[in-house]
Protein backbone atom coordinates (compact mmCIF):
# COMPACT_ATOMS: atom_id res chain seq x y z
CA UNK A 1 13.40 -69.15 -31.73
CA UNK A 2 13.77 -70.49 -28.14
CA UNK A 3 15.77 -68.46 -25.66
CA UNK A 4 19.32 -69.73 -25.19
CA UNK A 5 20.07 -70.67 -21.57
CA UNK A 6 22.74 -68.65 -19.76
CA UNK A 7 24.28 -68.77 -16.29
CA UNK A 8 26.88 -66.38 -14.86
CA UNK A 9 29.88 -68.08 -13.27
CA UNK A 10 33.47 -67.54 -12.30
CA UNK A 11 36.35 -69.40 -13.94
CA UNK A 12 39.78 -69.76 -12.36
CA UNK A 13 42.46 -68.87 -14.91
CA UNK A 14 44.98 -71.12 -13.15
CA UNK A 15 43.23 -74.41 -12.34
CA UNK A 16 40.04 -74.17 -14.46
CA UNK A 17 37.63 -74.45 -11.51
CA UNK A 18 34.15 -73.26 -12.57
CA UNK A 19 31.99 -71.80 -9.80
CA UNK A 20 28.41 -70.56 -9.80
CA UNK A 21 28.33 -69.62 -6.10
CA UNK A 22 29.14 -65.93 -6.70
CA UNK A 23 32.54 -65.94 -5.00
CA UNK A 24 35.34 -63.78 -6.39
CA UNK A 25 38.21 -66.07 -5.44
CA UNK A 26 38.91 -69.68 -6.41
CA UNK A 27 38.36 -71.93 -3.38
CA UNK A 28 41.17 -74.20 -4.59
CA UNK A 29 44.05 -71.77 -5.16
CA UNK A 30 42.82 -68.27 -4.20
CA UNK A 31 43.09 -66.78 -7.71
CA UNK A 32 40.61 -64.12 -8.84
CA UNK A 33 37.81 -65.68 -10.91
CA UNK A 34 37.05 -64.39 -14.41
CA UNK A 35 33.39 -63.87 -15.33
CA UNK A 36 32.08 -66.38 -17.89
CA UNK A 37 28.78 -67.80 -19.13
CA UNK A 38 28.80 -71.27 -17.53
CA UNK A 39 26.47 -72.77 -20.14
CA UNK A 40 28.62 -71.55 -23.03
CA UNK A 41 31.85 -72.62 -21.30
CA UNK A 42 30.55 -76.09 -20.39
CA UNK A 43 29.15 -76.61 -23.89
CA UNK A 44 32.45 -75.62 -25.52
CA UNK A 45 34.41 -77.90 -23.16
CA UNK A 46 32.05 -80.80 -23.88
CA UNK A 47 32.42 -80.28 -27.64
CA UNK A 48 36.20 -80.11 -27.28
CA UNK A 49 36.07 -83.54 -25.60
CA UNK A 50 33.53 -84.97 -28.10
CA UNK A 51 30.91 -85.25 -25.33
CA UNK A 52 27.18 -84.72 -25.74
CA UNK A 53 25.20 -81.91 -24.14
CA UNK A 54 21.57 -82.03 -23.04
CA UNK A 55 19.78 -78.97 -21.73
CA UNK A 56 17.39 -80.04 -18.98
CA UNK A 57 14.03 -78.39 -18.67
CA UNK A 58 12.89 -80.71 -15.85
CA UNK A 59 13.50 -80.69 -12.10
CA UNK A 60 14.38 -77.00 -12.28
CA UNK A 61 13.73 -76.49 -8.55
CA UNK A 62 16.27 -79.17 -7.63
CA UNK A 63 18.76 -77.84 -10.15
CA UNK A 64 18.37 -74.29 -8.78
CA UNK A 65 19.04 -75.53 -5.23
CA UNK A 66 22.30 -77.09 -6.43
CA UNK A 67 23.88 -74.25 -8.43
CA UNK A 68 21.78 -74.24 -11.64
CA UNK A 69 24.16 -76.49 -13.57
CA UNK A 70 24.96 -80.20 -13.40
CA UNK A 71 26.98 -82.82 -15.23
CA UNK A 72 26.83 -86.55 -15.60
CA UNK A 73 30.39 -87.80 -15.77
CA UNK A 74 31.47 -91.30 -16.73
CA UNK A 75 35.09 -92.40 -16.80
């Protein structure tokens, strides 16, 4: 069975800001961030909104330079 991806992050309990930069405070409202698995959180949020999820195994160097997680959003 392939290993499930995981990424530690902080989630603001007030505004929902998700941060992978390792800070302890939300840059938007100063609240203390709660530790979460960013991959699990993002996947659950996508499912809640009926959005698709694709785990990328390409361009890992670029992705690592930019916080290890990305999203393609269309409105």
